Amino acid sequence: MGGIDFSIIGLVIAVVTGIGSFWFGRQMRLKRGAKQREKDRIAAQANETRQQRRARERKERG
């Protein structure tokens, strides 16, 4: 392999680091998506008419 020595410890470290990086990136993406959805929801509510707002509030109450 061109003089490159792959050790078991090095491979384990690389796999653990890769899995950790994947998990961290996924958590950050989910958090960012939740913030964006909340921002969109607030913007949509700001543009509601009074009738739409009252209908939504009745639906939310049960």
N, C-alpha and C. Protein backbone atom coordinates (compact mmCIF):
# COMPACT_ATOMS: atom_id res chain seq x y z
N MET A 1 0.83 -1.20 0.00
CA MET A 1 0.00 0.00 0.00
C MET A 1 0.87 1.26 0.00
N GLY A 2 1.88 1.26 -0.75
CA GLY A 2 2.69 2.46 -0.89
C GLY A 2 3.44 2.85 0.37
N GLY A 3 3.73 1.87 1.23
CA GLY A 3 4.47 2.17 2.45
C GLY A 3 3.63 2.72 3.57
N ILE A 4 2.29 2.74 3.43
CA ILE A 4 1.42 3.25 4.49
C ILE A 4 1.07 2.10 5.41
N ASP A 5 1.29 2.30 6.71
CA ASP A 5 1.03 1.26 7.69
C ASP A 5 -0.30 1.56 8.40
N PHE A 6 -1.29 0.70 8.20
CA PHE A 6 -2.58 0.85 8.87
C PHE A 6 -2.60 -0.04 10.10
N SER A 7 -2.73 0.57 11.25
CA SER A 7 -2.80 -0.22 12.46
C SER A 7 -4.26 -0.37 12.87
N ILE A 8 -4.54 -1.37 13.66
CA ILE A 8 -5.89 -1.61 14.14
C ILE A 8 -6.36 -0.44 15.00
N ILE A 9 -5.49 0.06 15.84
CA ILE A 9 -5.84 1.19 16.72
C ILE A 9 -6.19 2.41 15.88
N GLY A 10 -5.41 2.66 14.85
CA GLY A 10 -5.69 3.81 13.98
C GLY A 10 -7.01 3.67 13.27
N LEU A 11 -7.32 2.47 12.80
CA LEU A 11 -8.60 2.25 12.13
C LEU A 11 -9.77 2.42 13.10
N VAL A 12 -9.62 1.93 14.32
CA VAL A 12 -10.69 2.08 15.33
C VAL A 12 -10.90 3.55 15.64
N ILE A 13 -9.83 4.29 15.81
CA ILE A 13 -9.94 5.73 16.08
C ILE A 13 -10.64 6.43 14.91
N ALA A 14 -10.28 6.08 13.69
CA ALA A 14 -10.90 6.70 12.51
C ALA A 14 -12.39 6.39 12.44
N VAL A 15 -12.77 5.14 12.72
CA VAL A 15 -14.18 4.76 12.68
C VAL A 15 -14.96 5.48 13.77
N VAL A 16 -14.43 5.51 14.98
CA VAL A 16 -15.12 6.19 16.09
C VAL A 16 -15.25 7.68 15.79
N THR A 17 -14.22 8.29 15.27
CA THR A 17 -14.26 9.71 14.93
C THR A 17 -15.29 9.96 13.83
N GLY A 18 -15.34 9.09 12.83
CA GLY A 18 -16.32 9.24 11.75
C GLY A 18 -17.74 9.12 12.26
N ILE A 19 -18.00 8.15 13.11
CA ILE A 19 -19.34 7.97 13.67
C ILE A 19 -19.72 9.17 14.53
N GLY A 20 -18.78 9.65 15.34
CA GLY A 20 -19.03 10.82 16.18
C GLY A 20 -19.32 12.06 15.35
N SER A 21 -18.60 12.24 14.28
CA SER A 21 -18.80 13.38 13.40
C SER A 21 -20.17 13.30 12.73
N PHE A 22 -20.55 12.10 12.28
CA PHE A 22 -21.87 11.91 11.66
C PHE A 22 -22.98 12.24 12.66
N TRP A 23 -22.88 11.72 13.87
CA TRP A 23 -23.90 11.95 14.89
C TRP A 23 -24.01 13.44 15.23
N PHE A 24 -22.87 14.10 15.43
CA PHE A 24 -22.86 15.52 15.77
C PHE A 24 -23.47 16.35 14.65
N GLY A 25 -23.10 16.06 13.42
CA GLY A 25 -23.66 16.79 12.28
C GLY A 25 -25.16 16.60 12.16
N ARG A 26 -25.62 15.38 12.41
CA ARG A 26 -27.06 15.10 12.34
C ARG A 26 -27.82 15.87 13.42
N GLN A 27 -27.27 15.91 14.63
CA GLN A 27 -27.91 16.64 15.72
C GLN A 27 -27.99 18.14 15.40
N MET A 28 -26.93 18.67 14.86
CA MET A 28 -26.91 20.09 14.51
C MET A 28 -27.92 20.39 13.40
N ARG A 29 -28.03 19.49 12.41
CA ARG A 29 -28.97 19.70 11.32
C ARG A 29 -30.41 19.64 11.82
N LEU A 30 -30.70 18.71 12.71
CA LEU A 30 -32.06 18.60 13.26
C LEU A 30 -32.42 19.83 14.09
N LYS A 31 -31.46 20.32 14.86
CA LYS A 31 -31.68 21.51 15.67
C LYS A 31 -31.93 22.73 14.79
N ARG A 32 -31.14 22.86 13.73
CA ARG A 32 -31.30 23.99 12.81
C ARG A 32 -32.65 23.90 12.10
N GLY A 33 -33.07 22.70 11.72
CA GLY A 33 -34.35 22.51 11.06
C GLY A 33 -35.52 22.86 11.97
N ALA A 34 -35.41 22.50 13.25
CA ALA A 34 -36.47 22.82 14.20
C ALA A 34 -36.60 24.33 14.38
N LYS A 35 -35.47 25.01 14.45
CA LYS A 35 -35.50 26.47 14.58
C LYS A 35 -36.15 27.11 13.35
N GLN A 36 -35.82 26.60 12.17
CA GLN A 36 -36.38 27.15 10.93
C GLN A 36 -37.89 26.91 10.86
N ARG A 37 -38.34 25.71 11.25
CA ARG A 37 -39.78 25.42 11.25
C ARG A 37 -40.52 26.33 12.21
N GLU A 38 -39.94 26.58 13.39
CA GLU A 38 -40.57 27.47 14.37
C GLU A 38 -40.65 28.89 13.81
N LYS A 39 -39.59 29.32 13.16
CA LYS A 39 -39.55 30.67 12.57
C LYS A 39 -40.62 30.80 11.48
N ASP A 40 -40.76 29.76 10.64
CA ASP A 40 -41.77 29.77 9.59
C ASP A 40 -43.19 29.78 10.18
N ARG A 41 -43.38 29.01 11.26
CA ARG A 41 -44.69 28.95 11.91
C ARG A 41 -45.08 30.33 12.47
N ILE A 42 -44.15 30.99 13.10
CA ILE A 42 -44.41 32.32 13.66
C ILE A 42 -44.72 33.31 12.54
N ALA A 43 -43.99 33.23 11.43
CA ALA A 43 -44.24 34.12 10.30
C ALA A 43 -45.62 33.87 9.70
N ALA A 44 -46.01 32.60 9.61
CA ALA A 44 -47.33 32.28 9.07
C ALA A 44 -48.44 32.79 9.98
N GLN A 45 -48.24 32.67 11.29
CA GLN A 45 -49.24 33.17 12.23
C GLN A 45 -49.35 34.69 12.18
N ALA A 46 -48.27 35.36 11.91
CA ALA A 46 -48.28 36.82 11.85
C ALA A 46 -49.12 37.31 10.67
N ASN A 47 -49.25 36.49 9.64
CA ASN A 47 -50.00 36.89 8.46
C ASN A 47 -51.45 36.42 8.47
N GLU A 48 -51.88 35.79 9.57
CA GLU A 48 -53.26 35.29 9.64
C GLU A 48 -54.25 36.43 9.82
N THR A 49 -55.44 36.24 9.28
CA THR A 49 -56.52 37.18 9.56
C THR A 49 -57.08 36.85 10.95
N ARG A 50 -57.89 37.73 11.46
CA ARG A 50 -58.48 37.50 12.78
C ARG A 50 -59.34 36.23 12.78
N GLN A 51 -60.08 36.01 11.70
CA GLN A 51 -60.93 34.82 11.60
C GLN A 51 -60.08 33.55 11.58
N GLN A 52 -58.99 33.57 10.84
CA GLN A 52 -58.11 32.41 10.79
C GLN A 52 -57.47 32.16 12.15
N ARG A 53 -57.07 33.23 12.82
CA ARG A 53 -56.45 33.10 14.14
C ARG A 53 -57.42 32.48 15.14
N ARG A 54 -58.67 32.95 15.14
CA ARG A 54 -59.66 32.40 16.07
C ARG A 54 -59.96 30.94 15.76
N ALA A 55 -60.04 30.57 14.49
CA ALA A 55 -60.28 29.18 14.12
C ALA A 55 -59.12 28.30 14.58
N ARG A 56 -57.89 28.77 14.40
CA ARG A 56 -56.72 28.00 14.84
C ARG A 56 -56.70 27.84 16.35
N GLU A 57 -57.03 28.91 17.07
CA GLU A 57 -57.05 28.84 18.54
C GLU A 57 -58.13 27.86 19.03
N ARG A 58 -59.28 27.86 18.36
CA ARG A 58 -60.33 26.91 18.76
C ARG A 58 -59.86 25.47 18.52
N LYS A 59 -59.21 25.26 17.40
CA LYS A 59 -58.71 23.93 17.06
C LYS A 59 -57.65 23.48 18.07
N GLU A 60 -56.78 24.38 18.47
CA GLU A 60 -55.72 24.04 19.43
C GLU A 60 -56.28 23.74 20.82
N ARG A 61 -57.36 24.41 21.19
CA ARG A 61 -57.96 24.18 22.51
C ARG A 61 -58.63 22.81 22.62
N GLY A 62 -59.03 22.28 21.49
CA GLY A 62 -59.63 20.94 21.58
C GLY A 62 -60.84 20.86 20.80
